[in-house]
Amino acid sequence: MYKDKQALRRDDAKYGVNSAQAQADRKDLHADRVDRNKDQRDINKDKGDLHADRVDRNKGQLDINKDKRDLHKDRKDLRHDRKSK
């Protein structure tokens, strides 16, 4: 990226701002920027998806833990009831 900008400045100075080489460099820089921006958007979307997955997984684990506590309590009550009879 930085070297591309240096090449553009060099071509601007050497051939002029409207030269074919300078225009080609500008076009390449623009294409690189578009690709980088698209990649960054994809990365951000993936981060959002990962976050949503993590939230779902954590909620599921909380539900599992609550069910385990309830099951333990139910078994304890059942044992207590059997002893009482």
PDB file of N, CA and C in Angstrom:
ATOM      1  N   MET A   1       0.835  -1.197   0.000  1.00  0.00           N
ATOM      2  CA  MET A   1       0.000   0.000   0.000  1.00  0.00           C
ATOM      3  C   MET A   1       0.872   1.250   0.000  1.00  0.00           C
ATOM      4  N   TYR A   2       1.788   1.341   0.977  1.00  0.00           N
ATOM      5  CA  TYR A   2       2.619   2.532   1.084  1.00  0.00           C
ATOM      6  C   TYR A   2       3.515   2.671  -0.141  1.00  0.00           C
ATOM      7  N   LYS A   3       4.077   1.539  -0.597  1.00  0.00           N
ATOM      8  CA  LYS A   3       4.937   1.569  -1.781  1.00  0.00           C
ATOM      9  C   LYS A   3       4.132   1.954  -3.017  1.00  0.00           C
ATOM     10  N   ASP A   4       2.876   1.525  -3.074  1.00  0.00           N
ATOM     11  CA  ASP A   4       2.021   1.894  -4.198  1.00  0.00           C
ATOM     12  C   ASP A   4       1.790   3.403  -4.236  1.00  0.00           C
ATOM     13  N   LYS A   5       1.595   3.986  -3.064  1.00  0.00           N
ATOM     14  CA  LYS A   5       1.409   5.438  -3.013  1.00  0.00           C
ATOM     15  C   LYS A   5       2.687   6.163  -3.420  1.00  0.00           C
ATOM     16  N   GLN A   6       3.839   5.609  -3.005  1.00  0.00           N
ATOM     17  CA  GLN A   6       5.111   6.211  -3.405  1.00  0.00           C
ATOM     18  C   GLN A   6       5.288   6.125  -4.921  1.00  0.00           C
ATOM     19  N   ALA A   7       4.929   4.978  -5.483  1.00  0.00           N
ATOM     20  CA  ALA A   7       5.035   4.810  -6.933  1.00  0.00           C
ATOM     21  C   ALA A   7       4.129   5.804  -7.652  1.00  0.00           C
ATOM     22  N   LEU A   8       2.942   6.027  -7.121  1.00  0.00           N
ATOM     23  CA  LEU A   8       2.015   6.994  -7.720  1.00  0.00           C
ATOM     24  C   LEU A   8       2.611   8.401  -7.675  1.00  0.00           C
ATOM     25  N   ARG A   9       3.177   8.789  -6.532  1.00  0.00           N
ATOM     26  CA  ARG A   9       3.796  10.111  -6.435  1.00  0.00           C
ATOM     27  C   ARG A   9       4.963  10.249  -7.411  1.00  0.00           C
ATOM     28  N   ARG A  10       5.750   9.196  -7.505  1.00  0.00           N
ATOM     29  CA  ARG A  10       6.896   9.205  -8.408  1.00  0.00           C
ATOM     30  C   ARG A  10       6.431   9.337  -9.867  1.00  0.00           C
ATOM     31  N   ASP A  11       5.384   8.570 -10.223  1.00  0.00           N
ATOM     32  CA  ASP A  11       4.861   8.662 -11.589  1.00  0.00           C
ATOM     33  C   ASP A  11       4.236  10.024 -11.854  1.00  0.00           C
ATOM     34  N   ASP A  12       3.565  10.583 -10.850  1.00  0.00           N
ATOM     35  CA  ASP A  12       2.998  11.934 -11.009  1.00  0.00           C
ATOM     36  C   ASP A  12       4.105  12.941 -11.303  1.00  0.00           C
ATOM     37  N   ALA A  13       5.197  12.833 -10.555  1.00  0.00           N
ATOM     38  CA  ALA A  13       6.303  13.775 -10.732  1.00  0.00           C
ATOM     39  C   ALA A  13       7.020  13.547 -12.054  1.00  0.00           C
ATOM     40  N   LYS A  14       7.174  12.284 -12.422  1.00  0.00           N
ATOM     41  CA  LYS A  14       7.956  11.949 -13.615  1.00  0.00           C
ATOM     42  C   LYS A  14       7.164  12.166 -14.906  1.00  0.00           C
ATOM     43  N   TYR A  15       5.923  11.695 -14.942  1.00  0.00           N
ATOM     44  CA  TYR A  15       5.140  11.711 -16.182  1.00  0.00           C
ATOM     45  C   TYR A  15       4.011  12.730 -16.192  1.00  0.00           C
ATOM     46  N   GLY A  16       3.654  13.243 -15.039  1.00  0.00           N
ATOM     47  CA  GLY A  16       2.528  14.168 -14.952  1.00  0.00           C
ATOM     48  C   GLY A  16       1.322  13.462 -14.342  1.00  0.00           C
ATOM     49  N   VAL A  17       0.449  14.270 -13.765  1.00  0.00           N
ATOM     50  CA  VAL A  17      -0.689  13.732 -13.023  1.00  0.00           C
ATOM     51  C   VAL A  17      -1.635  12.949 -13.928  1.00  0.00           C
ATOM     52  N   ASN A  18      -1.766  13.354 -15.173  1.00  0.00           N
ATOM     53  CA  ASN A  18      -2.729  12.713 -16.066  1.00  0.00           C
ATOM     54  C   ASN A  18      -2.103  11.653 -16.967  1.00  0.00           C
ATOM     55  N   SER A  19      -0.893  11.238 -16.662  1.00  0.00           N
ATOM     56  CA  SER A  19      -0.230  10.238 -17.507  1.00  0.00           C
ATOM     57  C   SER A  19      -0.922   8.888 -17.370  1.00  0.00           C
ATOM     58  N   ALA A  20      -0.706   8.045 -18.357  1.00  0.00           N
ATOM     59  CA  ALA A  20      -1.318   6.719 -18.352  1.00  0.00           C
ATOM     60  C   ALA A  20      -0.820   5.899 -17.155  1.00  0.00           C
ATOM     61  N   GLN A  21       0.480   6.017 -16.859  1.00  0.00           N
ATOM     62  CA  GLN A  21       1.049   5.247 -15.735  1.00  0.00           C
ATOM     63  C   GLN A  21       0.439   5.688 -14.404  1.00  0.00           C
ATOM     64  N   ALA A  22       0.315   7.010 -14.214  1.00  0.00           N
ATOM     65  CA  ALA A  22      -0.269   7.532 -12.980  1.00  0.00           C
ATOM     66  C   ALA A  22      -1.734   7.115 -12.869  1.00  0.00           C
ATOM     67  N   GLN A  23      -2.449   7.161 -13.974  1.00  0.00           N
ATOM     68  CA  GLN A  23      -3.857   6.754 -13.959  1.00  0.00           C
ATOM     69  C   GLN A  23      -3.988   5.260 -13.630  1.00  0.00           C
ATOM     70  N   ALA A  24      -3.096   4.458 -14.192  1.00  0.00           N
ATOM     71  CA  ALA A  24      -3.115   3.020 -13.907  1.00  0.00           C
ATOM     72  C   ALA A  24      -2.820   2.766 -12.429  1.00  0.00           C
ATOM     73  N   ASP A  25      -1.849   3.515 -11.876  1.00  0.00           N
ATOM     74  CA  ASP A  25      -1.537   3.372 -10.450  1.00  0.00           C
ATOM     75  C   ASP A  25      -2.742   3.744  -9.585  1.00  0.00           C
ATOM     76  N   ARG A  26      -3.422   4.809  -9.977  1.00  0.00           N
ATOM     77  CA  ARG A  26      -4.614   5.223  -9.219  1.00  0.00           C
ATOM     78  C   ARG A  26      -5.687   4.137  -9.272  1.00  0.00           C
ATOM     79  N   LYS A  27      -5.860   3.562 -10.456  1.00  0.00           N
ATOM     80  CA  LYS A  27      -6.858   2.510 -10.625  1.00  0.00           C
ATOM     81  C   LYS A  27      -6.496   1.299  -9.752  1.00  0.00           C
ATOM     82  N   ASP A  28      -5.206   0.935  -9.738  1.00  0.00           N
ATOM     83  CA  ASP A  28      -4.759  -0.182  -8.905  1.00  0.00           C
ATOM     84  C   ASP A  28      -4.976   0.106  -7.422  1.00  0.00           C
ATOM     85  N   LEU A  29      -4.642   1.327  -7.006  1.00  0.00           N
ATOM     86  CA  LEU A  29      -4.843   1.701  -5.598  1.00  0.00           C
ATOM     87  C   LEU A  29      -6.317   1.626  -5.218  1.00  0.00           C
ATOM     88  N   HIS A  30      -7.159   2.096  -6.129  1.00  0.00           N
ATOM     89  CA  HIS A  30      -8.604   2.057  -5.865  1.00  0.00           C
ATOM     90  C   HIS A  30      -9.085   0.608  -5.736  1.00  0.00           C
ATOM     91  N   ALA A  31      -8.636  -0.263  -6.646  1.00  0.00           N
ATOM     92  CA  ALA A  31      -9.036  -1.671  -6.588  1.00  0.00           C
ATOM     93  C   ALA A  31      -8.554  -2.322  -5.286  1.00  0.00           C
ATOM     94  N   ASP A  32      -7.323  -1.999  -4.881  1.00  0.00           N
ATOM     95  CA  ASP A  32      -6.793  -2.539  -3.619  1.00  0.00           C
ATOM     96  C   ASP A  32      -7.631  -2.071  -2.439  1.00  0.00           C
ATOM     97  N   ARG A  33      -7.999  -0.793  -2.452  1.00  0.00           N
ATOM     98  CA  ARG A  33      -8.797  -0.232  -1.357  1.00  0.00           C
ATOM     99  C   ARG A  33     -10.171  -0.898  -1.302  1.00  0.00           C
ATOM    100  N   VAL A  34     -10.778  -1.104  -2.470  1.00  0.00           N
ATOM    101  CA  VAL A  34     -12.086  -1.759  -2.524  1.00  0.00           C
ATOM    102  C   VAL A  34     -11.986  -3.170  -1.951  1.00  0.00           C
ATOM    103  N   ASP A  35     -10.935  -3.897  -2.340  1.00  0.00           N
ATOM    104  CA  ASP A  35     -10.740  -5.265  -1.825  1.00  0.00           C
ATOM    105  C   ASP A  35     -10.536  -5.266  -0.312  1.00  0.00           C
ATOM    106  N   ARG A  36      -9.703  -4.348   0.167  1.00  0.00           N
ATOM    107  CA  ARG A  36      -9.450  -4.265   1.607  1.00  0.00           C
ATOM    108  C   ARG A  36     -10.724  -3.957   2.377  1.00  0.00           C
ATOM    109  N   ASN A  37     -11.512  -3.018   1.864  1.00  0.00           N
ATOM    110  CA  ASN A  37     -12.759  -2.649   2.537  1.00  0.00           C
ATOM    111  C   ASN A  37     -13.732  -3.822   2.558  1.00  0.00           C
ATOM    112  N   LYS A  38     -13.816  -4.553   1.438  1.00  0.00           N
ATOM    113  CA  LYS A  38     -14.692  -5.725   1.381  1.00  0.00           C
ATOM    114  C   LYS A  38     -14.231  -6.778   2.374  1.00  0.00           C
ATOM    115  N   ASP A  39     -12.925  -7.011   2.423  1.00  0.00           N
ATOM    116  CA  ASP A  39     -12.387  -7.982   3.385  1.00  0.00           C
ATOM    117  C   ASP A  39     -12.702  -7.570   4.811  1.00  0.00           C
ATOM    118  N   GLN A  40     -12.559  -6.280   5.116  1.00  0.00           N
ATOM    119  CA  GLN A  40     -12.826  -5.807   6.473  1.00  0.00           C
ATOM    120  C   GLN A  40     -14.303  -5.962   6.818  1.00  0.00           C
ATOM    121  N   ARG A  41     -15.192  -5.694   5.847  1.00  0.00           N
ATOM    122  CA  ARG A  41     -16.621  -5.892   6.097  1.00  0.00           C
ATOM    123  C   ARG A  41     -16.908  -7.361   6.390  1.00  0.00           C
ATOM    124  N   ASP A  42     -16.274  -8.261   5.628  1.00  0.00           N
ATOM    125  CA  ASP A  42     -16.460  -9.696   5.869  1.00  0.00           C
ATOM    126  C   ASP A  42     -15.967 -10.077   7.259  1.00  0.00           C
ATOM    127  N   ILE A  43     -14.817  -9.544   7.649  1.00  0.00           N
ATOM    128  CA  ILE A  43     -14.272  -9.828   8.978  1.00  0.00           C
ATOM    129  C   ILE A  43     -15.236  -9.344  10.053  1.00  0.00           C
ATOM    130  N   ASN A  44     -15.756  -8.138   9.883  1.00  0.00           N
ATOM    131  CA  ASN A  44     -16.684  -7.584  10.880  1.00  0.00           C
ATOM    132  C   ASN A  44     -17.963  -8.416  10.961  1.00  0.00           C
ATOM    133  N   LYS A  45     -18.456  -8.874   9.805  1.00  0.00           N
ATOM    134  CA  LYS A  45     -19.658  -9.711   9.790  1.00  0.00           C
ATOM    135  C   LYS A  45     -19.373 -11.028  10.508  1.00  0.00           C
ATOM    136  N   ASP A  46     -18.216 -11.618  10.238  1.00  0.00           N
ATOM    137  CA  ASP A  46     -17.845 -12.866  10.901  1.00  0.00           C
ATOM    138  C   ASP A  46     -17.746 -12.679  12.413  1.00  0.00           C
ATOM    139  N   LYS A  47     -17.196 -11.538  12.837  1.00  0.00           N
ATOM    140  CA  LYS A  47     -17.113 -11.260  14.276  1.00  0.00           C
ATOM    141  C   LYS A  47     -18.503 -11.194  14.888  1.00  0.00           C
ATOM    142  N   GLY A  48     -19.414 -10.555  14.182  1.00  0.00           N
ATOM    143  CA  GLY A  48     -20.790 -10.465  14.672  1.00  0.00           C
ATOM    144  C   GLY A  48     -21.433 -11.838  14.764  1.00  0.00           C
ATOM    145  N   ASP A  49     -21.207 -12.673  13.734  1.00  0.00           N
ATOM    146  CA  ASP A  49     -21.753 -14.026  13.751  1.00  0.00           C
ATOM    147  C   ASP A  49     -21.170 -14.832  14.906  1.00  0.00           C
ATOM    148  N   LEU A  50     -19.863 -14.707  15.116  1.00  0.00           N
ATOM    149  CA  LEU A  50     -19.221 -15.429  16.218  1.00  0.00           C
ATOM    150  C   LEU A  50     -19.787 -14.980  17.562  1.00  0.00           C
ATOM    151  N   HIS A  51     -20.013 -13.685  17.688  1.00  0.00           N
ATOM    152  CA  HIS A  51     -20.574 -13.163  18.933  1.00  0.00           C
ATOM    153  C   HIS A  51     -21.960 -13.758  19.182  1.00  0.00           C
ATOM    154  N   ALA A  52     -22.787 -13.770  18.129  1.00  0.00           N
ATOM    155  CA  ALA A  52     -24.141 -14.317  18.276  1.00  0.00           C
ATOM    156  C   ALA A  52     -24.077 -15.800  18.640  1.00  0.00           C
ATOM    157  N   ASP A  53     -23.160 -16.539  18.005  1.00  0.00           N
ATOM    158  CA  ASP A  53     -23.008 -17.962  18.329  1.00  0.00           C
ATOM    159  C   ASP A  53     -22.580 -18.149  19.779  1.00  0.00           C
ATOM    160  N   ARG A  54     -21.656 -17.309  20.230  1.00  0.00           N
ATOM    161  CA  ARG A  54     -21.164 -17.404  21.605  1.00  0.00           C
ATOM    162  C   ARG A  54     -22.296 -17.110  22.593  1.00  0.00           C
ATOM    163  N   VAL A  55     -23.112 -16.113  22.287  1.00  0.00           N
ATOM    164  CA  VAL A  55     -24.241 -15.780  23.163  1.00  0.00           C
ATOM    165  C   VAL A  55     -25.193 -16.968  23.241  1.00  0.00           C
ATOM    166  N   ASP A  56     -25.500 -17.577  22.079  1.00  0.00           N
ATOM    167  CA  ASP A  56     -26.402 -18.736  22.068  1.00  0.00           C
ATOM    168  C   ASP A  56     -25.815 -19.898  22.862  1.00  0.00           C
ATOM    169  N   ARG A  57     -24.516 -20.152  22.663  1.00  0.00           N
ATOM    170  CA  ARG A  57     -23.867 -21.261  23.353  1.00  0.00           C
ATOM    171  C   ARG A  57     -23.880 -21.035  24.868  1.00  0.00           C
ATOM    172  N   ASN A  58     -23.594 -19.804  25.289  1.00  0.00           N
ATOM    173  CA  ASN A  58     -23.598 -19.490  26.722  1.00  0.00           C
ATOM    174  C   ASN A  58     -24.996 -19.633  27.315  1.00  0.00           C
ATOM    175  N   LYS A  59     -25.993 -19.184  26.558  1.00  0.00           N
ATOM    176  CA  LYS A  59     -27.372 -19.315  27.045  1.00  0.00           C
ATOM    177  C   LYS A  59     -27.737 -20.788  27.156  1.00  0.00           C
ATOM    178  N   GLY A  60     -27.336 -21.578  26.175  1.00  0.00           N
ATOM    179  CA  GLY A  60     -27.602 -23.011  26.224  1.00  0.00           C
ATOM    180  C   GLY A  60     -26.937 -23.662  27.422  1.00  0.00           C
ATOM    181  N   GLN A  61     -25.706 -23.276  27.703  1.00  0.00           N
ATOM    182  CA  GLN A  61     -24.999 -23.850  28.855  1.00  0.00           C
ATOM    183  C   GLN A  61     -25.669 -23.444  30.159  1.00  0.00           C
ATOM    184  N   LEU A  62     -26.144 -22.211  30.230  1.00  0.00           N
ATOM    185  CA  LEU A  62     -26.864 -21.779  31.434  1.00  0.00           C
ATOM    186  C   LEU A  62     -28.124 -22.615  31.633  1.00  0.00           C
ATOM    187  N   ASP A  63     -28.836 -22.889  30.518  1.00  0.00           N
ATOM    188  CA  ASP A  63     -30.038 -23.718  30.607  1.00  0.00           C
ATOM    189  C   ASP A  63     -29.689 -25.134  31.074  1.00  0.00           C
ATOM    190  N   ILE A  64     -28.596 -25.685  30.542  1.00  0.00           N
ATOM    191  CA  ILE A  64     -28.162 -27.030  30.943  1.00  0.00           C
ATOM    192  C   ILE A  64     -27.846 -27.057  32.441  1.00  0.00           C
ATOM    193  N   ASN A  65     -27.118 -26.061  32.899  1.00  0.00           N
ATOM    194  CA  ASN A  65     -26.761 -26.009  34.317  1.00  0.00           C
ATOM    195  C   ASN A  65     -27.999 -25.888  35.207  1.00  0.00           C
ATOM    196  N   LYS A  66     -28.966 -25.078  34.763  1.00  0.00           N
ATOM    197  CA  LYS A  66     -30.203 -24.926  35.536  1.00  0.00           C
ATOM    198  C   LYS A  66     -30.951 -26.254  35.566  1.00  0.00           C
ATOM    199  N   ASP A  67     -31.007 -26.938  34.422  1.00  0.00           N
ATOM    200  CA  ASP A  67     -31.681 -28.240  34.374  1.00  0.00           C
ATOM    201  C   ASP A  67     -30.993 -29.245  35.292  1.00  0.00           C
ATOM    202  N   LYS A  68     -29.669 -29.204  35.353  1.00  0.00           N
ATOM    203  CA  LYS A  68     -28.939 -30.108  36.254  1.00  0.00           C
ATOM    204  C   LYS A  68     -29.299 -29.826  37.706  1.00  0.00           C
ATOM    205  N   ARG A  69     -29.371 -28.544  38.069  1.00  0.00           N
ATOM    206  CA  ARG A  69     -29.746 -28.183  39.441  1.00  0.00           C
ATOM    207  C   ARG A  69     -31.164 -28.662  39.758  1.00  0.00           C
ATOM    208  N   ASP A  70     -32.077 -28.450  38.801  1.00  0.00           N
ATOM    209  CA  ASP A  70     -33.460 -28.882  39.010  1.00  0.00           C
ATOM    210  C   ASP A  70     -33.535 -30.406  39.149  1.00  0.00           C
ATOM    211  N   LEU A  71     -32.798 -31.116  38.307  1.00  0.00           N
ATOM    212  CA  LEU A  71     -32.791 -32.573  38.365  1.00  0.00           C
ATOM    213  C   LEU A  71     -32.241 -33.059  39.704  1.00  0.00           C
ATOM    214  N   HIS A  72     -31.176 -32.431  40.141  1.00  0.00           N
ATOM    215  CA  HIS A  72     -30.598 -32.796  41.441  1.00  0.00           C
ATOM    216  C   HIS A  72     -31.609 -32.571  42.567  1.00  0.00           C
ATOM    217  N   LYS A  73     -32.269 -31.442  42.514  1.00  0.00           N
ATOM    218  CA  LYS A  73     -33.272 -31.121  43.546  1.00  0.00           C
ATOM    219  C   LYS A  73     -34.426 -32.127  43.493  1.00  0.00           C
ATOM    220  N   ASP A  74     -34.870 -32.462  42.262  1.00  0.00           N
ATOM    221  CA  ASP A  74     -35.960 -33.436  42.123  1.00  0.00           C
ATOM    222  C   ASP A  74     -35.560 -34.801  42.678  1.00  0.00           C
ATOM    223  N   ARG A  75     -34.341 -35.229  42.388  1.00  0.00           N
ATOM    224  CA  ARG A  75     -33.870 -36.517  42.903  1.00  0.00           C
ATOM    225  C   ARG A  75     -33.777 -36.497  44.425  1.00  0.00           C
ATOM    226  N   LYS A  76     -33.300 -35.386  44.945  1.00  0.00           N
ATOM    227  CA  LYS A  76     -33.197 -35.239  46.393  1.00  0.00           C
ATOM    228  C   LYS A  76     -34.583 -35.326  47.033  1.00  0.00           C
ATOM    229  N   ASP A  77     -35.559 -34.623  46.430  1.00  0.00           N
ATOM    230  CA  ASP A  77     -36.932 -34.676  46.939  1.00  0.00           C
ATOM    231  C   ASP A  77     -37.489 -36.090  46.846  1.00  0.00           C
ATOM    232  N   LEU A  78     -37.212 -36.777  45.743  1.00  0.00           N
ATOM    233  CA  LEU A  78     -37.697 -38.147  45.560  1.00  0.00           C
ATOM    234  C   LEU A  78     -37.112 -39.076  46.611  1.00  0.00           C
ATOM    235  N   ARG A  79     -35.812 -38.965  46.869  1.00  0.00           N
ATOM    236  CA  ARG A  79     -35.168 -39.775  47.906  1.00  0.00           C
ATOM    237  C   ARG A  79     -35.794 -39.487  49.280  1.00  0.00           C
ATOM    238  N   HIS A  80     -36.009 -38.220  49.523  1.00  0.00           N
ATOM    239  CA  HIS A  80     -36.611 -37.820  50.805  1.00  0.00           C
ATOM    240  C   HIS A  80     -38.019 -38.418  50.945  1.00  0.00           C
ATOM    241  N   ASP A  81     -38.808 -38.370  49.858  1.00  0.00           N
ATOM    242  CA  ASP A  81     -40.159 -38.912  49.876  1.00  0.00           C
ATOM    243  C   ASP A  81     -40.142 -40.424  50.102  1.00  0.00           C
ATOM    244  N   ARG A  82     -39.196 -41.114  49.489  1.00  0.00           N
ATOM    245  CA  ARG A  82     -39.126 -42.572  49.639  1.00  0.00           C
ATOM    246  C   ARG A  82     -38.745 -42.927  51.081  1.00  0.00           C
ATOM    247  N   LYS A  83     -37.878 -42.155  51.682  1.00  0.00           N
ATOM    248  CA  LYS A  83     -37.484 -42.408  53.066  1.00  0.00           C
ATOM    249  C   LYS A  83     -38.645 -42.154  54.019  1.00  0.00           C
ATOM    250  N   SER A  84     -39.476 -41.179  53.700  1.00  0.00           N
ATOM    251  CA  SER A  84     -40.586 -40.797  54.584  1.00  0.00           C
ATOM    252  C   SER A  84     -41.669 -41.865  54.626  1.00  0.00           C
ATOM    253  N   LYS A  85     -41.800 -42.678  53.604  1.00  0.00           N
ATOM    254  CA  LYS A  85     -42.884 -43.658  53.551  1.00  0.00           C
ATOM    255  C   LYS A  85     -42.646 -44.835  54.393  1.00  0.00           C
TER     256      LYS A  85
END
